[in-house]
Amino acid sequence: MNLLKITTEASITATLSLTEGQLRGLQALAAYGDTAFFKAFYVKLGKSSMQPVEADMRELFELIRRDVSPALSKIDTMRKNFNLPKSNMRFDTPVENVDTFAEHLKKVNQRYPSGLP
């Protein structure tokens, strides 16, 4: 008797490009904690739309706490070490600030070609 085992797996990934302000917004959202977030969400907006994806949202919050917070910490360290302007916490950055920031980044890359310590 021949046994045949068929396994199907599909994977979909998406890459998002976020501004610093958007990352700080995600960090603030995740900082509430999963339980507090869902309790408030369910009380104010109900369970019908969020409950089916609650496990995925908890994974997203964990990813944000694991990856976004250290990245923002590095940005804060870079700003402090190189006397760069603080984030205006807006999701858009005026072009003149981008040009200034780009010049600072060039200096950082020259000073630390292997990355920040």
Protein backbone atom coordinates (compact mmCIF):
# COMPACT_ATOMS: atom_id res chain seq x y z
CA MET A 1 0.00 0.00 0.00
CA ASN A 2 1.39 3.37 -1.02
CA LEU A 3 0.94 6.24 1.38
CA LEU A 4 0.74 9.69 -0.04
CA LYS A 5 1.11 12.72 2.16
CA ILE A 6 0.40 16.13 0.68
CA THR A 7 1.32 19.23 2.62
CA THR A 8 0.49 22.69 1.43
CA GLU A 9 1.97 25.82 2.92
CA ALA A 10 1.45 29.39 1.88
CA SER A 11 3.21 32.40 3.25
CA ILE A 12 2.50 36.04 2.60
CA THR A 13 4.65 38.83 3.91
CA ALA A 14 4.34 42.58 3.66
CA THR A 15 7.00 45.19 4.14
CA LEU A 16 5.99 48.57 5.52
CA SER A 17 8.06 51.71 5.44
CA LEU A 18 7.18 53.85 8.43
CA THR A 19 8.34 57.25 9.54
CA GLU A 20 9.86 57.79 12.95
CA GLY A 21 6.65 59.41 14.12
CA GLN A 22 4.61 56.41 13.01
CA LEU A 23 7.03 54.08 14.79
CA ARG A 24 6.72 56.14 17.97
CA GLY A 25 2.94 55.94 17.62
CA LEU A 26 3.11 52.15 17.38
CA GLN A 27 5.43 52.05 20.36
CA ALA A 28 2.99 54.15 22.39
CA LEU A 29 0.11 51.88 21.38
CA ALA A 30 1.99 48.72 22.36
CA ALA A 31 3.14 50.30 25.64
CA TYR A 32 -0.37 50.03 27.04
CA GLY A 33 0.03 46.28 27.13
CA ASP A 34 -2.05 43.73 25.30
CA THR A 35 -4.62 43.12 28.02
CA ALA A 36 -5.24 46.80 28.72
CA PHE A 37 -5.52 47.57 25.01
CA PHE A 38 -8.07 44.83 24.31
CA LYS A 39 -10.09 45.59 27.43
CA ALA A 40 -10.42 49.25 26.42
CA PHE A 41 -11.04 48.41 22.77
CA TYR A 42 -13.75 45.86 23.54
CA VAL A 43 -15.51 48.15 26.03
CA LYS A 44 -15.53 51.14 23.68
CA LEU A 45 -15.83 49.52 20.25
CA GLY A 46 -17.05 45.97 20.77
CA LYS A 47 -15.51 42.61 19.94
CA SER A 48 -16.84 41.81 16.48
CA SER A 49 -13.99 43.23 14.40
CA MET A 50 -11.00 42.75 16.72
CA GLN A 51 -11.64 39.45 18.48
CA PRO A 52 -11.03 37.31 15.36
CA VAL A 53 -7.54 38.82 14.99
CA GLU A 54 -6.68 39.22 18.67
CA ALA A 55 -3.90 36.61 18.63
CA ASP A 56 -2.33 38.27 15.59
CA MET A 57 -2.54 41.68 17.25
CA ARG A 58 -0.83 40.30 20.36
CA GLU A 59 1.99 39.01 18.12
CA LEU A 60 2.20 42.44 16.48
CA PHE A 61 2.46 44.17 19.87
CA GLU A 62 5.23 41.76 20.88
CA LEU A 63 7.09 42.46 17.64
CA ILE A 64 6.75 46.21 18.22
CA ARG A 65 8.09 45.91 21.77
CA ARG A 66 10.92 43.63 20.61
CA ASP A 67 12.06 45.48 17.47
CA VAL A 68 10.70 49.03 17.39
CA SER A 69 11.69 50.14 20.88
CA PRO A 70 15.41 49.28 20.45
CA ALA A 71 15.47 50.94 17.02
CA LEU A 72 14.00 54.14 18.44
CA SER A 73 16.46 53.98 21.30
CA LYS A 74 19.30 53.95 18.76
CA ILE A 75 17.78 56.97 17.03
CA ASP A 76 17.57 58.79 20.37
CA THR A 77 21.21 57.91 21.13
CA MET A 78 22.31 59.16 17.72
CA ARG A 79 20.44 62.43 18.23
CA LYS A 80 22.02 62.90 21.64
CA ASN A 81 25.57 62.01 20.50
CA PHE A 82 25.46 64.23 17.45
CA ASN A 83 23.33 67.02 18.84
CA LEU A 84 20.61 66.41 16.27
CA PRO A 85 17.17 67.99 16.58
CA LYS A 86 14.54 66.00 18.44
CA SER A 87 11.72 64.43 16.49
CA ASN A 88 8.75 66.70 16.00
CA MET A 89 6.66 63.55 16.53
CA ARG A 90 4.75 64.30 13.36
CA PHE A 91 4.22 61.70 10.69
CA ASP A 92 5.56 64.02 8.05
CA THR A 93 8.86 65.86 8.16
CA PRO A 94 9.43 69.17 6.39
CA VAL A 95 11.86 68.88 3.49
CA GLU A 96 14.32 71.35 5.00
CA ASN A 97 14.63 69.11 8.09
CA VAL A 98 15.17 66.04 5.94
CA ASP A 99 18.08 67.71 4.16
CA THR A 100 19.68 68.72 7.47
CA PHE A 101 19.15 65.27 8.90
CA ALA A 102 20.62 63.66 5.77
CA GLU A 103 23.79 65.72 6.23
CA HIS A 104 24.03 64.56 9.83
CA LEU A 105 23.61 60.95 8.74
CA LYS A 106 26.47 61.31 6.27
CA LYS A 107 28.70 62.47 9.13
CA VAL A 108 27.56 59.57 11.29
CA ASN A 109 28.35 57.08 8.52
CA GLN A 110 31.78 58.59 8.05
CA ARG A 111 32.54 58.51 11.76
CA TYR A 112 31.11 55.02 12.33
CA PRO A 113 31.39 53.09 9.04
CA SER A 114 30.51 49.83 10.81
CA GLY A 115 27.43 51.29 12.47
CA LEU A 116 26.75 52.95 15.79
CA PRO A 117 28.44 51.47 18.85
